[in-house]
Amino acid sequence: MRNWTLKDADRHTYRFGHLRLAPHQKVRVHTGTGRDTVRDVYQNRRAHVWDNYRDTATLRNNHGRVIDTESWGHHGR
């Protein structure tokens, strides 16, 4: 997933490094600080990024193509 990105509705962007996932393997992306593992990666931010009320996460590959998107909460802005 090198150079893939995960972006929220406010354009906070996390760029994946040398992460390689096996088929059906999951990884959790944390906002705070920590040490990356095969199961968890960290954005190393001091402030929260994901809005608990409403937000959208967009995953793009290294060519900018949307791979997946997930929205939650109320979207009637």
N, C-alpha and C. Protein backbone atom coordinates (compact mmCIF):
# COMPACT_ATOMS: atom_id res chain seq x y z
N MET A 1 0.83 -1.19 0.00
CA MET A 1 0.00 0.00 0.00
C MET A 1 0.87 1.26 0.00
N ARG A 2 2.08 1.12 -0.45
CA ARG A 2 2.99 2.26 -0.45
C ARG A 2 2.38 3.43 -1.23
N ASN A 3 2.33 4.58 -0.58
CA ASN A 3 1.81 5.83 -1.14
C ASN A 3 0.29 5.83 -1.35
N TRP A 4 -0.44 4.85 -0.81
CA TRP A 4 -1.89 4.93 -0.80
C TRP A 4 -2.25 5.98 0.25
N THR A 5 -3.44 6.59 0.12
CA THR A 5 -3.85 7.61 1.07
C THR A 5 -5.23 7.30 1.66
N LEU A 6 -5.42 7.78 2.87
CA LEU A 6 -6.71 7.73 3.54
C LEU A 6 -7.02 9.16 3.94
N LYS A 7 -8.15 9.69 3.45
CA LYS A 7 -8.47 11.11 3.65
C LYS A 7 -9.87 11.23 4.23
N ASP A 8 -10.06 12.18 5.15
CA ASP A 8 -11.38 12.44 5.69
C ASP A 8 -12.04 13.59 4.94
N ALA A 9 -13.26 13.92 5.33
CA ALA A 9 -14.01 14.97 4.63
C ALA A 9 -13.35 16.34 4.73
N ASP A 10 -12.57 16.57 5.79
CA ASP A 10 -11.86 17.84 5.95
C ASP A 10 -10.47 17.81 5.31
N ARG A 11 -10.19 16.79 4.54
CA ARG A 11 -8.94 16.63 3.78
C ARG A 11 -7.71 16.33 4.63
N HIS A 12 -7.90 15.87 5.87
CA HIS A 12 -6.76 15.37 6.64
C HIS A 12 -6.32 14.09 5.94
N THR A 13 -5.07 13.99 5.59
CA THR A 13 -4.60 12.87 4.78
C THR A 13 -3.52 12.07 5.50
N TYR A 14 -3.69 10.76 5.47
CA TYR A 14 -2.66 9.84 5.96
C TYR A 14 -2.11 9.09 4.75
N ARG A 15 -0.79 9.08 4.59
CA ARG A 15 -0.15 8.37 3.49
C ARG A 15 0.51 7.11 4.05
N PHE A 16 0.10 5.97 3.52
CA PHE A 16 0.67 4.69 3.95
C PHE A 16 2.11 4.57 3.48
N GLY A 17 2.92 3.93 4.29
CA GLY A 17 4.31 3.67 3.95
C GLY A 17 4.47 2.31 3.31
N HIS A 18 5.34 1.51 3.85
CA HIS A 18 5.66 0.20 3.29
C HIS A 18 4.75 -0.89 3.84
N LEU A 19 3.45 -0.68 3.84
CA LEU A 19 2.50 -1.65 4.37
C LEU A 19 2.08 -2.62 3.28
N ARG A 20 2.15 -3.89 3.59
CA ARG A 20 1.69 -4.93 2.65
C ARG A 20 0.65 -5.77 3.37
N LEU A 21 -0.54 -5.89 2.76
CA LEU A 21 -1.63 -6.66 3.35
C LEU A 21 -1.86 -7.93 2.55
N ALA A 22 -2.11 -9.01 3.26
CA ALA A 22 -2.51 -10.27 2.63
C ALA A 22 -4.00 -10.17 2.29
N PRO A 23 -4.51 -11.02 1.42
CA PRO A 23 -5.95 -11.00 1.12
C PRO A 23 -6.77 -11.13 2.41
N HIS A 24 -7.79 -10.30 2.55
CA HIS A 24 -8.71 -10.28 3.69
C HIS A 24 -8.07 -9.83 5.00
N GLN A 25 -6.84 -9.39 4.97
CA GLN A 25 -6.17 -8.88 6.17
C GLN A 25 -6.66 -7.46 6.43
N LYS A 26 -6.77 -7.09 7.69
CA LYS A 26 -7.23 -5.76 8.08
C LYS A 26 -6.12 -5.01 8.78
N VAL A 27 -6.19 -3.69 8.70
CA VAL A 27 -5.28 -2.83 9.44
C VAL A 27 -6.11 -1.69 10.03
N ARG A 28 -5.82 -1.32 11.27
CA ARG A 28 -6.50 -0.20 11.91
C ARG A 28 -5.61 1.03 11.80
N VAL A 29 -6.21 2.14 11.41
CA VAL A 29 -5.48 3.40 11.29
C VAL A 29 -5.86 4.27 12.48
N HIS A 30 -4.88 4.57 13.33
CA HIS A 30 -5.10 5.36 14.53
C HIS A 30 -4.65 6.80 14.28
N THR A 31 -5.35 7.75 14.90
CA THR A 31 -4.98 9.15 14.76
C THR A 31 -3.74 9.48 15.57
N GLY A 32 -3.65 8.96 16.78
CA GLY A 32 -2.58 9.34 17.70
C GLY A 32 -1.22 8.79 17.35
N THR A 33 -0.35 8.78 18.35
CA THR A 33 1.02 8.33 18.14
C THR A 33 1.17 6.88 18.59
N GLY A 34 2.10 6.20 17.99
CA GLY A 34 2.38 4.81 18.32
C GLY A 34 3.37 4.23 17.34
N ARG A 35 3.64 2.98 17.52
CA ARG A 35 4.57 2.28 16.64
C ARG A 35 3.78 1.42 15.66
N ASP A 36 4.01 1.61 14.37
CA ASP A 36 3.29 0.84 13.36
C ASP A 36 3.60 -0.65 13.48
N THR A 37 2.57 -1.46 13.30
CA THR A 37 2.70 -2.92 13.26
C THR A 37 1.96 -3.42 12.03
N VAL A 38 1.89 -4.73 11.85
CA VAL A 38 1.14 -5.29 10.71
C VAL A 38 -0.36 -5.14 10.91
N ARG A 39 -0.82 -4.89 12.14
CA ARG A 39 -2.25 -4.75 12.43
C ARG A 39 -2.69 -3.32 12.70
N ASP A 40 -1.77 -2.45 13.06
CA ASP A 40 -2.10 -1.08 13.44
C ASP A 40 -1.07 -0.11 12.88
N VAL A 41 -1.56 1.01 12.32
CA VAL A 41 -0.67 2.09 11.88
C VAL A 41 -1.15 3.39 12.53
N TYR A 42 -0.25 4.33 12.70
CA TYR A 42 -0.52 5.56 13.43
C TYR A 42 -0.22 6.78 12.59
N GLN A 43 -1.12 7.76 12.65
CA GLN A 43 -0.94 9.01 11.91
C GLN A 43 -0.02 9.98 12.63
N ASN A 44 0.27 9.71 13.90
CA ASN A 44 1.14 10.56 14.71
C ASN A 44 0.66 12.00 14.78
N ARG A 45 -0.64 12.16 14.98
CA ARG A 45 -1.24 13.49 15.16
C ARG A 45 -1.60 13.68 16.63
N ARG A 46 -1.56 14.91 17.08
CA ARG A 46 -1.92 15.22 18.47
C ARG A 46 -3.41 15.49 18.61
N ALA A 47 -4.08 15.90 17.55
CA ALA A 47 -5.51 16.20 17.59
C ALA A 47 -6.29 15.13 16.84
N HIS A 48 -7.55 14.96 17.23
CA HIS A 48 -8.41 13.99 16.56
C HIS A 48 -8.68 14.42 15.12
N VAL A 49 -8.84 13.45 14.25
CA VAL A 49 -9.14 13.72 12.84
C VAL A 49 -10.56 13.30 12.52
N TRP A 50 -10.95 12.12 12.94
CA TRP A 50 -12.26 11.58 12.57
C TRP A 50 -13.35 12.19 13.43
N ASP A 51 -14.38 12.66 12.77
CA ASP A 51 -15.53 13.26 13.43
C ASP A 51 -16.48 12.14 13.85
N ASN A 52 -16.83 12.08 15.12
CA ASN A 52 -17.75 11.05 15.61
C ASN A 52 -19.18 11.28 15.16
N TYR A 53 -19.54 12.53 14.85
CA TYR A 53 -20.90 12.86 14.47
C TYR A 53 -21.17 12.50 13.00
N ARG A 54 -20.24 12.91 12.13
CA ARG A 54 -20.35 12.56 10.69
C ARG A 54 -18.98 12.76 10.05
N ASP A 55 -18.67 11.90 9.13
CA ASP A 55 -17.40 12.01 8.41
C ASP A 55 -17.42 11.02 7.25
N THR A 56 -16.44 11.12 6.40
CA THR A 56 -16.26 10.19 5.28
C THR A 56 -14.78 9.88 5.17
N ALA A 57 -14.46 8.62 5.06
CA ALA A 57 -13.08 8.18 4.84
C ALA A 57 -12.97 7.67 3.41
N THR A 58 -11.95 8.15 2.69
CA THR A 58 -11.74 7.73 1.30
C THR A 58 -10.34 7.15 1.17
N LEU A 59 -10.28 5.93 0.69
CA LEU A 59 -9.01 5.24 0.45
C LEU A 59 -8.69 5.29 -1.04
N ARG A 60 -7.50 5.81 -1.37
CA ARG A 60 -7.06 5.89 -2.77
C ARG A 60 -5.74 5.14 -2.93
N ASN A 61 -5.58 4.52 -4.10
CA ASN A 61 -4.32 3.83 -4.36
C ASN A 61 -3.24 4.83 -4.77
N ASN A 62 -2.06 4.34 -5.07
CA ASN A 62 -0.93 5.21 -5.39
C ASN A 62 -1.08 5.93 -6.73
N HIS A 63 -2.15 5.64 -7.48
CA HIS A 63 -2.44 6.36 -8.73
C HIS A 63 -3.60 7.33 -8.57
N GLY A 64 -4.09 7.48 -7.31
CA GLY A 64 -5.18 8.41 -7.04
C GLY A 64 -6.57 7.84 -7.28
N ARG A 65 -6.67 6.57 -7.64
CA ARG A 65 -7.97 5.94 -7.90
C ARG A 65 -8.66 5.59 -6.58
N VAL A 66 -9.94 5.92 -6.46
CA VAL A 66 -10.70 5.59 -5.25
C VAL A 66 -10.88 4.08 -5.18
N ILE A 67 -10.42 3.50 -4.07
CA ILE A 67 -10.55 2.07 -3.84
C ILE A 67 -11.76 1.77 -2.97
N ASP A 68 -12.00 2.62 -1.97
CA ASP A 68 -13.14 2.42 -1.08
C ASP A 68 -13.47 3.73 -0.40
N THR A 69 -14.71 3.86 0.02
CA THR A 69 -15.14 5.03 0.78
C THR A 69 -16.16 4.57 1.81
N GLU A 70 -16.12 5.18 2.96
CA GLU A 70 -17.06 4.84 4.04
C GLU A 70 -17.50 6.13 4.71
N SER A 71 -18.82 6.28 4.84
CA SER A 71 -19.39 7.47 5.50
C SER A 71 -20.22 7.02 6.69
N TRP A 72 -20.32 7.90 7.68
CA TRP A 72 -21.15 7.60 8.84
C TRP A 72 -21.73 8.89 9.37
N GLY A 73 -22.79 8.75 10.14
CA GLY A 73 -23.43 9.89 10.77
C GLY A 73 -24.43 10.58 9.87
N HIS A 74 -24.78 11.81 10.23
CA HIS A 74 -25.76 12.61 9.51
C HIS A 74 -25.04 13.45 8.46
N HIS A 75 -25.53 13.40 7.23
CA HIS A 75 -24.82 14.06 6.13
C HIS A 75 -25.58 15.24 5.54
N GLY A 76 -26.49 15.81 6.26
CA GLY A 76 -27.27 16.93 5.74
C GLY A 76 -26.67 18.27 6.08
N ARG A 77 -25.44 18.55 5.68
CA ARG A 77 -24.76 19.82 5.97
C ARG A 77 -25.44 20.98 5.34
